[in-house]
Amino acid sequence: MKKPDSKFIKVRCKDCENEQVLFNKPTMVVSCHICGSKLAVPRGGKADIKGELLHVIE
């Protein structure tokens, strides 16, 4: 059986350095909870990550 290739990732905001967990294939723009800057933008599959990718949560 094939495992899904979608994962949760931990991203650090470049503006305020807040660390946030998000889905690597979002369907809408993901914003930082602290300052509101964009962390991830959907691109019809995997997101365009705007913050610093810290690690993939397995």
Protein backbone atom coordinates (compact mmCIF):
# COMPACT_ATOMS: atom_id res chain seq x y z
CA MET A 1 0.00 0.00 0.00
CA LYS A 2 1.33 3.43 -0.96
CA LYS A 3 2.02 5.92 1.84
CA PRO A 4 0.83 9.48 1.36
CA ASP A 5 3.61 11.90 0.45
CA SER A 6 2.07 14.81 2.36
CA LYS A 7 3.67 15.74 5.68
CA PHE A 8 3.64 18.34 8.41
CA ILE A 9 6.59 20.70 8.50
CA LYS A 10 8.01 23.14 11.04
CA VAL A 11 8.72 26.58 9.60
CA ARG A 12 10.32 29.68 11.15
CA CYS A 13 8.94 33.08 10.18
CA LYS A 14 11.62 35.30 8.61
CA ASP A 15 10.10 38.45 10.09
CA CYS A 16 9.47 37.57 13.76
CA GLU A 17 11.22 34.14 14.10
CA ASN A 18 8.04 32.47 15.36
CA GLU A 19 8.11 28.69 14.77
CA GLN A 20 4.92 27.16 13.44
CA VAL A 21 3.84 23.69 12.29
CA LEU A 22 1.93 23.55 9.01
CA PHE A 23 0.90 21.15 6.26
CA ASN A 24 3.26 20.95 3.27
CA LYS A 25 0.32 20.89 0.81
CA PRO A 26 -2.00 23.67 1.98
CA THR A 27 -5.08 24.71 0.01
CA MET A 28 -4.87 28.32 1.16
CA VAL A 29 -2.19 30.83 2.18
CA VAL A 30 -0.72 30.08 5.64
CA SER A 31 0.12 33.18 7.69
CA CYS A 32 2.24 33.59 10.81
CA HIS A 33 0.12 33.64 13.98
CA ILE A 34 2.27 36.40 15.49
CA CYS A 35 3.01 38.96 12.75
CA GLY A 36 0.73 37.84 9.89
CA SER A 37 3.42 37.45 7.20
CA LYS A 38 3.03 34.65 4.67
CA LEU A 39 4.69 31.35 5.59
CA ALA A 40 3.39 29.17 2.74
CA VAL A 41 1.54 29.76 -0.52
CA PRO A 42 -0.31 26.89 -2.28
CA ARG A 43 0.95 25.98 -5.75
CA GLY A 44 -1.39 23.15 -6.79
CA GLY A 45 0.60 20.56 -4.84
CA LYS A 46 3.45 21.25 -2.48
CA ALA A 47 3.53 24.74 -1.05
CA ASP A 48 5.94 27.53 -1.87
CA ILE A 49 7.54 27.94 1.58
CA LYS A 50 8.28 31.60 2.38
CA GLY A 51 9.75 30.99 5.85
CA GLU A 52 12.77 28.93 6.88
CA LEU A 53 12.04 25.18 6.80
CA LEU A 54 13.34 23.76 10.08
CA HIS A 55 12.38 20.09 9.71
CA VAL A 56 9.82 17.61 8.44
CA ILE A 57 7.69 15.93 11.11
CA GLU A 58 7.48 12.21 10.36
